[in-house]
Amino acid sequence: MLKTLIEAFALISTWEVVIAMFAASVYGLVIGSLPGLSATMATALLVPVTFYLSPIAAIATIVAASSMAIFSGDIPGALLRIPGTPASAAYADEAYAMTRKGQAELALGAGVWFSAVGGIAGVLSLMILAPPLAEVALSFSTFEYFWLALLGLMCATLVARSSPVKAIAGMFLGLLVSCIGIENPGGVPRFTFGITDLFGGIEPIPALVGVFAVAQVMRAMLTPEPPPLPRRKFGSIMAGQWKLTRKYHWQMTRGNIVGIIIGVLPGAGADMAAWVSYAMSKRFSKEPEKFGTGHVEGLVEAGASNNASIASGWVPSLLFGIPGDTIAAIAIGVLYMKGLNPGPTLFTEKASSMYAIYLMFIIANILMIPLGIAMIRIAAYILLAPRSAIMPIIMLCCAVGSFAIGNNMFGVVTVAAFGVIGYVMEANGYPVAAMVLGIVMGTMVEQAFVTSLIKSDGSILPFFERPVAAILAAMAIGALLWPVMVWVWRKVKPVQTAAATSR
């Protein structure tokens, strides 16, 4: 283990990794602080840059940018009541209420401090959970992988904030996209319509860039410019944070635990963790009446939760290739591109690379404190940048990056098409995260299913005979039927209530 740790330090000590991590940290802070530009979009725009970096430097940019962007979304939320990222939306009103009370420094300081603490807690969960799970996963056959992938898809529909039916529809659309091309067990062209460029299928990375970056630009074009930030000088940002840590240590711990659990669930992510933790904080608080008036307790728990979920979301991603959230889905694409194929063997054959990822997460969260404080102090200047200047630059980055993926215009067309699809889906309440999960995992589900059928000579029984496969099957089928049972219950309950009242 010591030898592996030394090798990991050597991997991240190169100038390329150090410069890449610092630059990505600054980039993530800037993008996250601009209202409407999410951490997922910041990560997606980095993908073309990773082509020219070594594997460890490429992962370093993803780790640093995503961690920083999740935190810096708190800055416009506290100062303008406009969350920079979806994860910050859960407590933007609370943080803004604190600013109006003259406690902007306390609100922003809590954001940076508890985000860093939560991020490190998430890394510890990754270090503790991943190796033993990898040993278990080595005994998995294609039967277990099929049910595991199906369970991941179903979890994405259960945790969606919109209608479960719409989430399932989005997931099926993603699965349909993953069927395009000839890269299937039968090698048969599907949905290619005679277009040669479609024979290779739809790459996940251009689809991700389209639904998150281009769709966001389209939404920004149709929404009014946010109000300018009033100029003000900040006092000490970190003053009082240790006192808050001692006072709300249980809330911080609970936020870390909730963030870690939600991060492991496929398709959930930091925004879900923040909403759940803020709601739990209010539910179990000794002073629930203070929530909404500028009470820091909710910020402590939700801030610790959203960054804890970032690192823990890499657990299913590294072990099984199942993304814990949309950022992890992009990371999986980069891992495959750099030859670090996700799977349990990654922890045995390339253990030093895994330890390097752990160390990069820890370094990124430590860097968050000084860089976050600096970002808060210069936020007034960053937020003055007009949207009309930022959005064309983002579109240019999308176009150049998508062209670089395959060195042809088909990538640009793919990004544009998925930008429109993402915009239409969001406008009508269909979660794009469910579609993204379908695109990323569709091939895995199909290959595991077909290979298992070949092994069993067409019999379905072996899918349920192995103990672990049977447990995963029960969980997956339960997750599939749950939305139906909820829908039936909602229909039946009013009828029963009305019948009881009439008596």
Protein backbone atom coordinates (compact mmCIF):
# COMPACT_ATOMS: atom_id res chain seq x y z
CA MET A 1 0.00 0.00 0.00
CA LEU A 2 2.85 2.39 0.86
CA LYS A 3 4.50 1.68 -2.48
CA THR A 4 1.21 2.37 -4.28
CA LEU A 5 0.77 5.62 -2.35
CA ILE A 6 4.29 6.77 -3.29
CA GLU A 7 3.58 5.96 -6.96
CA ALA A 8 0.32 7.96 -6.72
CA PHE A 9 2.19 10.97 -5.30
CA ALA A 10 4.66 10.69 -8.17
CA LEU A 11 1.78 10.68 -10.68
CA ILE A 12 0.22 13.90 -9.33
CA SER A 13 3.52 15.71 -8.66
CA THR A 14 4.23 16.50 -12.31
CA TRP A 15 3.99 20.09 -13.52
CA GLU A 16 1.30 19.08 -16.01
CA VAL A 17 -1.03 17.81 -13.27
CA VAL A 18 -0.31 20.75 -10.92
CA ILE A 19 -0.98 23.37 -13.62
CA ALA A 20 -4.04 21.48 -14.94
CA MET A 21 -5.55 21.23 -11.44
CA PHE A 22 -4.95 24.89 -10.60
CA ALA A 23 -6.29 26.14 -13.95
CA ALA A 24 -9.35 23.87 -13.73
CA SER A 25 -10.00 25.08 -10.16
CA VAL A 26 -10.06 28.72 -11.24
CA TYR A 27 -12.17 27.83 -14.28
CA GLY A 28 -14.67 25.89 -12.14
CA LEU A 29 -14.97 28.77 -9.67
CA VAL A 30 -15.68 31.27 -12.45
CA ILE A 31 -18.18 29.11 -14.34
CA GLY A 32 -20.00 28.04 -11.17
CA SER A 33 -20.36 31.64 -10.01
CA LEU A 34 -22.08 32.75 -13.21
CA PRO A 35 -25.86 32.31 -12.82
CA GLY A 36 -27.27 29.56 -14.98
CA LEU A 37 -23.98 27.83 -15.81
CA SER A 38 -23.98 24.48 -13.98
CA ALA A 39 -21.09 22.37 -12.70
CA THR A 40 -22.05 19.70 -15.25
CA MET A 41 -21.74 22.22 -18.05
CA ALA A 42 -18.35 23.37 -16.72
CA THR A 43 -17.17 19.75 -16.72
CA ALA A 44 -18.57 19.01 -20.19
CA LEU A 45 -16.78 22.00 -21.69
CA LEU A 46 -13.47 20.68 -20.32
CA VAL A 47 -13.68 17.40 -22.24
CA PRO A 48 -12.06 18.71 -25.48
CA VAL A 49 -9.13 20.01 -23.38
CA THR A 50 -8.57 16.55 -21.87
CA PHE A 51 -7.68 15.17 -25.34
CA TYR A 52 -4.29 16.85 -25.06
CA LEU A 53 -3.53 15.86 -21.45
CA SER A 54 -2.15 12.72 -19.82
CA PRO A 55 -4.76 10.44 -18.15
CA ILE A 56 -4.06 11.69 -14.60
CA ALA A 57 -4.00 15.37 -15.65
CA ALA A 58 -7.27 14.86 -17.56
CA ILE A 59 -8.99 13.39 -14.49
CA ALA A 60 -7.47 16.16 -12.35
CA THR A 61 -9.26 18.80 -14.43
CA ILE A 62 -12.62 17.03 -14.04
CA VAL A 63 -12.16 16.57 -10.26
CA ALA A 64 -11.03 20.15 -9.60
CA ALA A 65 -13.55 21.92 -11.86
CA SER A 66 -16.59 19.98 -10.59
CA SER A 67 -15.71 20.42 -6.90
CA MET A 68 -15.10 24.17 -7.30
CA ALA A 69 -18.17 24.82 -9.45
CA ILE A 70 -20.53 23.18 -6.94
CA PHE A 71 -19.30 25.54 -4.21
CA SER A 72 -19.07 28.76 -6.24
CA GLY A 73 -22.73 28.46 -7.24
CA ASP A 74 -23.39 29.66 -3.68
CA ILE A 75 -21.88 33.10 -4.42
CA PRO A 76 -24.58 34.57 -6.72
CA GLY A 77 -27.20 32.72 -4.64
CA ALA A 78 -26.14 34.60 -1.51
CA LEU A 79 -25.54 37.96 -3.19
CA LEU A 80 -28.24 38.07 -5.89
CA ARG A 81 -30.71 35.32 -4.88
CA ILE A 82 -29.85 33.67 -8.20
CA PRO A 83 -28.19 30.25 -7.65
CA GLY A 84 -25.16 29.70 -9.86
CA THR A 85 -25.76 25.93 -10.00
CA PRO A 86 -28.83 23.71 -9.37
CA ALA A 87 -27.17 22.39 -6.19
CA SER A 88 -27.15 25.93 -4.75
CA ALA A 89 -30.86 26.47 -5.43
CA ALA A 90 -31.90 24.52 -2.30
CA TYR A 91 -30.63 27.19 0.09
CA ALA A 92 -30.28 30.32 -2.10
CA ASP A 93 -33.21 32.04 -0.36
CA GLU A 94 -31.72 31.33 3.07
CA ALA A 95 -28.28 32.63 2.07
CA TYR A 96 -29.79 35.76 0.48
CA ALA A 97 -31.82 36.40 3.65
CA MET A 98 -28.55 36.31 5.61
CA THR A 99 -27.02 38.83 3.18
CA ARG A 100 -29.96 41.18 3.72
CA LYS A 101 -29.32 40.89 7.46
CA GLY A 102 -25.69 41.95 6.92
CA GLN A 103 -24.30 38.42 7.31
CA ALA A 104 -23.01 37.83 3.76
CA GLU A 105 -19.54 36.93 5.06
CA LEU A 106 -20.97 34.28 7.41
CA ALA A 107 -23.17 32.77 4.66
CA LEU A 108 -20.38 32.63 2.06
CA GLY A 109 -17.82 31.48 4.62
CA ALA A 110 -20.12 28.63 5.64
CA GLY A 111 -20.46 27.74 1.95
CA VAL A 112 -16.72 27.45 1.33
CA TRP A 113 -15.81 25.83 4.68
CA PHE A 114 -18.54 23.18 4.85
CA SER A 115 -18.23 22.42 1.12
CA ALA A 116 -14.55 21.63 1.66
CA VAL A 117 -15.29 19.50 4.75
CA GLY A 118 -18.06 17.66 2.88
CA GLY A 119 -15.81 17.07 -0.11
CA ILE A 120 -13.12 15.48 2.07
CA ALA A 121 -15.78 13.30 3.78
CA GLY A 122 -16.90 12.15 0.33
CA VAL A 123 -13.31 11.22 -0.58
CA LEU A 124 -12.96 9.17 2.60
CA SER A 125 -16.14 7.30 1.66
CA LEU A 126 -14.67 6.64 -1.79
CA MET A 127 -11.45 5.31 -0.22
CA ILE A 128 -13.31 3.13 2.32
CA LEU A 129 -16.16 1.78 0.15
CA ALA A 130 -14.50 1.25 -3.22
CA PRO A 131 -11.75 -1.36 -2.45
CA PRO A 132 -13.97 -3.87 -0.56
CA LEU A 133 -16.75 -3.44 -3.12
CA ALA A 134 -14.19 -4.06 -5.87
CA GLU A 135 -13.31 -7.43 -4.29
CA VAL A 136 -17.00 -8.37 -4.22
CA ALA A 137 -17.49 -7.15 -7.79
CA LEU A 138 -14.70 -9.43 -9.06
CA SER A 139 -17.03 -12.39 -8.42
CA PHE A 140 -19.85 -10.81 -10.47
CA SER A 141 -20.91 -12.50 -13.70
CA THR A 142 -22.86 -10.93 -16.56
CA PHE A 143 -26.11 -11.87 -14.76
CA GLU A 144 -25.23 -9.62 -11.81
CA TYR A 145 -23.98 -6.85 -14.09
CA PHE A 146 -27.25 -6.87 -16.03
CA TRP A 147 -29.38 -6.48 -12.91
CA LEU A 148 -26.98 -3.93 -11.44
CA ALA A 149 -27.13 -1.78 -14.57
CA LEU A 150 -30.93 -2.11 -14.70
CA LEU A 151 -31.15 -1.15 -11.01
CA GLY A 152 -29.03 1.93 -11.75
CA LEU A 153 -31.41 2.98 -14.50
CA MET A 154 -34.42 2.46 -12.25
CA CYS A 155 -32.85 4.44 -9.38
CA ALA A 156 -32.44 7.39 -11.73
CA THR A 157 -36.18 7.41 -12.31
CA LEU A 158 -37.00 7.07 -8.60
CA VAL A 159 -34.86 10.03 -7.47
CA ALA A 160 -35.95 12.36 -10.28
CA ARG A 161 -37.69 15.48 -8.96
CA SER A 162 -40.16 15.43 -11.85
CA SER A 163 -42.83 12.83 -12.58
CA PRO A 164 -41.46 9.23 -12.46
CA VAL A 165 -43.29 8.56 -15.74
CA LYS A 166 -41.42 11.43 -17.43
CA ALA A 167 -38.15 10.19 -15.94
CA ILE A 168 -38.79 6.69 -17.36
CA ALA A 169 -39.65 8.24 -20.75
CA GLY A 170 -36.35 10.18 -20.67
CA MET A 171 -34.46 7.01 -19.76
CA PHE A 172 -36.05 5.07 -22.65
CA LEU A 173 -35.10 7.87 -25.04
CA GLY A 174 -31.49 7.52 -23.85
CA LEU A 175 -31.62 3.74 -24.32
CA LEU A 176 -32.97 4.28 -27.85
CA VAL A 177 -30.05 6.61 -28.65
CA SER A 178 -27.58 3.99 -27.33
CA CYS A 179 -29.03 1.46 -29.83
CA ILE A 180 -27.92 3.53 -32.85
CA GLY A 181 -25.07 2.08 -34.94
CA ILE A 182 -23.50 -1.33 -35.47
CA GLU A 183 -21.71 -1.64 -32.12
CA ASN A 184 -24.15 -4.22 -30.78
CA PRO A 185 -23.78 -7.96 -30.07
CA GLY A 186 -25.24 -8.83 -33.48
CA GLY A 187 -23.21 -6.27 -35.43
CA VAL A 188 -26.40 -5.24 -37.27
CA PRO A 189 -26.87 -1.58 -38.33
CA ARG A 190 -29.73 -0.08 -36.30
CA PHE A 191 -31.44 3.28 -36.83
CA THR A 192 -28.67 4.44 -39.18
CA PHE A 193 -31.03 5.36 -42.07
CA GLY A 194 -28.15 4.81 -44.51
CA ILE A 195 -26.08 7.63 -42.94
CA THR A 196 -22.47 6.47 -42.68
CA ASP A 197 -21.66 8.72 -39.72
CA LEU A 198 -24.29 6.93 -37.62
CA PHE A 199 -22.65 3.50 -38.06
CA GLY A 200 -20.32 4.23 -35.14
CA GLY A 201 -23.25 5.22 -32.94
CA ILE A 202 -23.78 8.38 -30.92
CA GLU A 203 -20.80 9.15 -28.69
CA PRO A 204 -21.88 10.00 -25.11
CA ILE A 205 -19.59 13.04 -24.81
CA PRO A 206 -21.11 15.15 -27.67
CA ALA A 207 -24.59 14.24 -26.40
CA LEU A 208 -23.65 15.40 -22.88
CA VAL A 209 -22.15 18.66 -24.12
CA GLY A 210 -25.30 19.30 -26.15
CA VAL A 211 -27.91 18.62 -23.47
CA PHE A 212 -26.05 20.51 -20.74
CA ALA A 213 -24.11 23.32 -22.44
CA VAL A 214 -25.98 24.19 -25.65
CA ALA A 215 -29.40 23.72 -24.03
CA GLN A 216 -28.33 26.07 -21.22
CA VAL A 217 -27.29 28.72 -23.74
CA MET A 218 -30.69 28.41 -25.42
CA ARG A 219 -32.44 28.87 -22.06
CA ALA A 220 -30.26 31.89 -21.26
CA MET A 221 -31.28 33.52 -24.55
CA LEU A 222 -34.93 33.39 -23.48
CA THR A 223 -34.55 34.60 -19.87
CA PRO A 224 -33.88 38.16 -18.70
CA GLU A 225 -30.39 39.29 -17.66
CA PRO A 226 -29.89 39.02 -13.86
CA PRO A 227 -29.67 42.31 -11.94
CA PRO A 228 -26.18 43.81 -11.50
CA LEU A 229 -24.41 43.02 -8.24
CA PRO A 230 -24.08 46.03 -5.91
CA ARG A 231 -20.47 46.90 -5.05
CA ARG A 232 -19.48 46.11 -1.46
CA LYS A 233 -16.40 45.28 0.59
CA PHE A 234 -16.31 41.98 2.45
CA GLY A 235 -14.96 41.52 5.96
CA SER A 236 -13.32 38.31 7.19
CA ILE A 237 -14.86 35.40 5.27
CA MET A 238 -13.79 32.61 7.63
CA ALA A 239 -14.61 34.41 10.90
CA GLY A 240 -16.91 32.31 13.06
CA GLN A 241 -16.67 29.10 10.99
CA TRP A 242 -14.99 27.05 13.72
CA LYS A 243 -17.72 28.14 16.14
CA LEU A 244 -20.36 27.01 13.62
CA THR A 245 -18.55 23.68 13.22
CA ARG A 246 -18.72 23.02 16.97
CA LYS A 247 -22.31 24.21 17.26
CA TYR A 248 -23.65 22.30 14.26
CA HIS A 249 -21.28 19.31 14.23
CA TRP A 250 -24.19 16.82 14.13
CA GLN A 251 -25.87 18.67 11.23
CA MET A 252 -22.57 18.68 9.35
CA THR A 253 -22.07 14.95 9.95
CA ARG A 254 -25.65 14.16 8.93
CA GLY A 255 -25.21 16.23 5.77
CA ASN A 256 -22.01 14.33 4.93
CA ILE A 257 -23.72 10.95 5.43
CA VAL A 258 -26.78 11.91 3.36
CA GLY A 259 -24.55 13.31 0.60
CA ILE A 260 -22.46 10.14 0.50
CA ILE A 261 -25.55 7.89 0.31
CA ILE A 262 -27.26 10.00 -2.37
CA GLY A 263 -24.01 10.31 -4.33
CA VAL A 264 -23.79 6.53 -4.66
CA LEU A 265 -27.33 6.36 -6.12
CA PRO A 266 -27.11 6.50 -9.93
CA GLY A 267 -28.51 9.68 -11.41
CA ALA A 268 -29.07 11.54 -8.11
CA GLY A 269 -26.18 14.00 -7.76
CA ALA A 270 -25.30 17.09 -5.73
CA ASP A 271 -28.53 19.00 -6.34
CA MET A 272 -30.64 16.12 -4.96
CA ALA A 273 -28.29 15.84 -1.96
CA ALA A 274 -28.61 19.57 -1.22
CA TRP A 275 -32.43 19.56 -1.38
CA VAL A 276 -32.79 16.45 0.81
CA SER A 277 -30.29 17.72 3.39
CA TYR A 278 -31.85 21.18 3.60
CA ALA A 279 -35.29 19.59 4.11
CA MET A 280 -33.90 17.25 6.79
CA SER A 281 -32.16 20.14 8.52
CA LYS A 282 -35.44 22.04 8.77
CA ARG A 283 -37.37 18.92 9.81
CA PHE A 284 -35.04 18.01 12.70
CA SER A 285 -34.00 21.51 13.74
CA LYS A 286 -34.67 22.80 17.26
CA GLU A 287 -35.46 26.18 15.64
CA PRO A 288 -37.47 25.37 12.47
CA GLU A 289 -39.29 28.70 12.65
CA LYS A 290 -36.01 30.51 11.84
CA PHE A 291 -35.61 28.79 8.47
CA GLY A 292 -36.27 31.21 5.60
CA THR A 293 -35.32 34.22 7.72
CA GLY A 294 -31.53 33.89 7.31
CA HIS A 295 -30.64 30.93 9.54
CA VAL A 296 -27.21 29.37 8.89
CA GLU A 297 -28.09 25.84 10.08
CA GLY A 298 -29.58 24.79 6.73
CA LEU A 299 -26.53 26.11 4.86
CA VAL A 300 -24.20 24.05 7.04
CA GLU A 301 -25.99 20.76 6.36
CA ALA A 302 -26.81 21.29 2.68
CA GLY A 303 -23.34 22.69 1.88
CA ALA A 304 -21.65 19.68 3.49
CA SER A 305 -24.00 17.33 1.65
CA ASN A 306 -23.68 18.55 -1.93
CA ASN A 307 -19.88 18.33 -2.07
CA ALA A 308 -19.81 14.96 -0.23
CA SER A 309 -21.99 13.55 -3.03
CA ILE A 310 -19.48 14.58 -5.73
CA ALA A 311 -16.74 12.19 -4.56
CA SER A 312 -19.08 9.37 -3.48
CA GLY A 313 -20.69 9.52 -6.96
CA TRP A 314 -17.42 8.10 -8.29
CA VAL A 315 -17.87 4.84 -6.33
CA PRO A 316 -20.33 3.18 -8.80
CA SER A 317 -18.60 4.95 -11.69
CA LEU A 318 -15.15 3.49 -11.02
CA LEU A 319 -16.44 0.06 -9.94
CA PHE A 320 -19.12 -0.69 -12.51
CA GLY A 321 -19.12 2.14 -15.05
CA ILE A 322 -22.49 3.28 -13.65
CA PRO A 323 -22.48 7.08 -13.18
CA GLY A 324 -23.54 8.37 -9.77
CA ASP A 325 -24.46 11.70 -11.35
CA THR A 326 -24.11 13.62 -14.62
CA ILE A 327 -20.58 14.79 -13.75
CA ALA A 328 -19.54 11.19 -13.14
CA ALA A 329 -21.11 10.27 -16.51
CA ILE A 330 -18.73 12.72 -18.21
CA ALA A 331 -15.84 11.39 -16.12
CA ILE A 332 -16.61 7.84 -17.31
CA GLY A 333 -16.30 9.02 -20.91
CA VAL A 334 -12.91 10.58 -20.14
CA LEU A 335 -11.76 7.42 -18.29
CA TYR A 336 -12.58 5.25 -21.30
CA MET A 337 -10.92 7.74 -23.63
CA LYS A 338 -7.71 7.59 -21.56
CA GLY A 339 -7.59 3.80 -21.25
CA LEU A 340 -8.69 3.70 -17.57
CA ASN A 341 -11.71 1.50 -18.25
CA PRO A 342 -14.02 1.44 -15.19
CA GLY A 343 -14.38 -1.90 -13.44
CA PRO A 344 -13.19 -3.79 -10.36
CA THR A 345 -9.88 -4.71 -12.06
CA LEU A 346 -9.03 -1.00 -12.15
CA PHE A 347 -8.32 -1.24 -8.39
CA THR A 348 -5.86 -4.11 -8.84
CA GLU A 349 -4.20 -3.45 -12.19
CA LYS A 350 -3.98 0.36 -11.85
CA ALA A 351 -4.12 0.88 -8.09
CA SER A 352 -1.69 3.82 -8.20
CA SER A 353 -4.05 5.69 -10.55
CA MET A 354 -6.92 5.12 -8.10
CA TYR A 355 -4.89 6.49 -5.21
CA ALA A 356 -3.95 9.44 -7.42
CA ILE A 357 -7.68 10.18 -7.89
CA TYR A 358 -8.21 10.05 -4.10
CA LEU A 359 -5.32 12.46 -3.53
CA MET A 360 -6.56 14.84 -6.24
CA PHE A 361 -9.98 15.03 -4.58
CA ILE A 362 -8.37 15.84 -1.22
CA ILE A 363 -6.09 18.49 -2.76
CA ALA A 364 -9.00 20.04 -4.69
CA ASN A 365 -11.06 20.41 -1.51
CA ILE A 366 -8.13 21.91 0.41
CA LEU A 367 -7.50 24.34 -2.47
CA MET A 368 -11.17 25.29 -2.34
CA ILE A 369 -10.66 27.29 0.87
CA PRO A 370 -8.02 29.87 -0.27
CA LEU A 371 -9.27 30.00 -3.86
CA GLY A 372 -12.90 30.21 -2.70
CA ILE A 373 -12.12 33.15 -0.42
CA ALA A 374 -10.34 34.91 -3.29
CA MET A 375 -13.30 34.19 -5.59
CA ILE A 376 -15.77 35.65 -3.09
CA ARG A 377 -13.73 38.88 -2.93
CA ILE A 378 -13.59 39.31 -6.72
CA ALA A 379 -17.15 38.04 -7.32
CA ALA A 380 -18.42 41.56 -7.97
CA TYR A 381 -16.16 41.87 -11.03
CA ILE A 382 -16.89 38.37 -12.40
CA LEU A 383 -20.66 38.86 -12.11
CA LEU A 384 -20.44 42.13 -14.06
CA ALA A 385 -19.65 40.14 -17.23
CA PRO A 386 -22.67 40.49 -19.55
CA ARG A 387 -24.45 37.32 -20.61
CA SER A 388 -24.27 38.48 -24.24
CA ALA A 389 -20.47 38.17 -24.04
CA ILE A 390 -20.32 34.83 -22.18
CA MET A 391 -22.82 32.75 -24.15
CA PRO A 392 -21.17 33.13 -27.62
CA ILE A 393 -17.86 32.02 -26.08
CA ILE A 394 -19.55 28.93 -24.62
CA MET A 395 -21.13 28.10 -27.99
CA LEU A 396 -17.74 28.48 -29.68
CA CYS A 397 -16.15 26.12 -27.13
CA CYS A 398 -18.93 23.58 -27.74
CA ALA A 399 -18.45 23.73 -31.51
CA VAL A 400 -14.64 23.50 -31.42
CA GLY A 401 -14.69 20.71 -28.83
CA SER A 402 -17.29 18.65 -30.68
CA PHE A 403 -15.30 18.96 -33.93
CA ALA A 404 -12.11 17.85 -32.15
CA ILE A 405 -13.77 14.64 -30.88
CA GLY A 406 -13.96 13.05 -34.32
CA ASN A 407 -12.33 15.64 -36.59
CA ASN A 408 -15.54 15.97 -38.61
CA MET A 409 -18.67 18.10 -38.72
CA PHE A 410 -20.90 15.24 -37.56
CA GLY A 411 -19.80 15.91 -33.98
CA VAL A 412 -20.90 19.55 -34.29
CA VAL A 413 -24.29 18.47 -35.69
CA THR A 414 -24.67 15.93 -32.84
CA VAL A 415 -23.99 18.58 -30.18
CA ALA A 416 -26.46 20.99 -31.81
CA ALA A 417 -29.16 18.30 -32.13
CA PHE A 418 -28.85 17.22 -28.51
CA GLY A 419 -28.86 20.87 -27.45
CA VAL A 420 -32.33 21.21 -28.98
CA ILE A 421 -33.45 17.88 -27.49
CA GLY A 422 -32.19 18.90 -24.04
CA TYR A 423 -33.90 22.27 -24.22
CA VAL A 424 -37.26 20.77 -25.30
CA MET A 425 -37.07 18.08 -22.60
CA GLU A 426 -36.30 20.57 -19.79
CA ALA A 427 -39.00 22.96 -21.02
CA ASN A 428 -41.57 20.17 -20.73
CA GLY A 429 -40.42 18.76 -17.40
CA TYR A 430 -38.51 15.71 -18.67
CA PRO A 431 -35.24 15.20 -16.72
CA VAL A 432 -32.24 15.12 -19.05
CA ALA A 433 -30.20 13.28 -16.39
CA ALA A 434 -32.35 10.16 -16.94
CA MET A 435 -31.72 10.35 -20.70
CA VAL A 436 -27.98 10.78 -20.15
CA LEU A 437 -27.93 7.70 -17.92
CA GLY A 438 -29.72 5.74 -20.65
CA ILE A 439 -27.14 6.81 -23.26
CA VAL A 440 -24.17 5.98 -21.03
CA MET A 441 -25.47 2.64 -19.73
CA GLY A 442 -27.53 1.36 -22.67
CA THR A 443 -24.64 -0.57 -24.25
CA MET A 444 -23.70 -2.15 -20.92
CA VAL A 445 -27.27 -3.33 -20.26
CA GLU A 446 -27.65 -4.83 -23.73
CA GLN A 447 -24.27 -6.56 -23.82
CA ALA A 448 -24.73 -8.04 -20.33
CA PHE A 449 -28.24 -9.25 -21.23
CA VAL A 450 -27.29 -10.85 -24.57
CA THR A 451 -24.11 -12.44 -23.17
CA SER A 452 -26.12 -13.88 -20.26
CA LEU A 453 -28.71 -15.34 -22.64
CA ILE A 454 -25.94 -16.96 -24.70
CA LYS A 455 -24.45 -18.45 -21.51
CA SER A 456 -27.82 -19.82 -20.37
CA ASP A 457 -28.77 -21.09 -23.85
CA GLY A 458 -31.79 -18.78 -23.93
CA SER A 459 -33.07 -19.64 -20.47
CA ILE A 460 -34.27 -16.87 -18.12
CA LEU A 461 -33.91 -18.94 -14.91
CA PRO A 462 -30.13 -18.34 -14.40
CA PHE A 463 -30.91 -14.62 -14.09
CA PHE A 464 -32.54 -15.46 -10.74
CA GLU A 465 -30.64 -18.56 -9.55
CA ARG A 466 -27.45 -16.91 -8.22
CA PRO A 467 -28.07 -15.36 -4.76
CA VAL A 468 -26.63 -11.90 -5.53
CA ALA A 469 -28.37 -11.81 -8.91
CA ALA A 470 -31.69 -12.69 -7.23
CA ILE A 471 -31.32 -9.87 -4.69
CA LEU A 472 -30.40 -7.33 -7.39
CA ALA A 473 -33.30 -8.60 -9.54
CA ALA A 474 -35.78 -8.10 -6.69
CA MET A 475 -34.47 -4.57 -6.09
CA ALA A 476 -34.58 -3.67 -9.80
CA ILE A 477 -38.11 -5.03 -10.31
CA GLY A 478 -39.24 -3.28 -7.11
CA ALA A 479 -37.79 0.00 -8.36
CA LEU A 480 -39.55 -0.51 -11.71
CA LEU A 481 -42.94 -1.19 -10.10
CA TRP A 482 -42.67 1.51 -7.41
CA PRO A 483 -43.88 4.45 -9.61
CA VAL A 484 -46.84 2.32 -10.74
CA MET A 485 -47.75 1.46 -7.13
CA VAL A 486 -47.50 5.13 -6.10
CA TRP A 487 -49.74 6.14 -9.03
CA VAL A 488 -52.33 3.47 -8.12
CA TRP A 489 -52.25 4.52 -4.44
CA ARG A 490 -52.85 8.17 -5.34
CA LYS A 491 -55.84 7.14 -7.46
CA VAL A 492 -57.32 4.74 -4.90
CA LYS A 493 -56.82 6.84 -1.73
CA PRO A 494 -59.19 9.75 -2.70
CA VAL A 495 -61.88 7.21 -3.64
CA GLN A 496 -61.55 5.46 -0.26
CA THR A 497 -61.61 8.81 1.56
CA ALA A 498 -64.72 9.93 -0.31
CA ALA A 499 -66.46 6.60 0.43
CA ALA A 500 -65.59 6.86 4.14
CA THR A 501 -66.91 10.46 4.27
CA SER A 502 -70.20 9.54 2.58
CA ARG A 503 -70.86 6.93 5.28
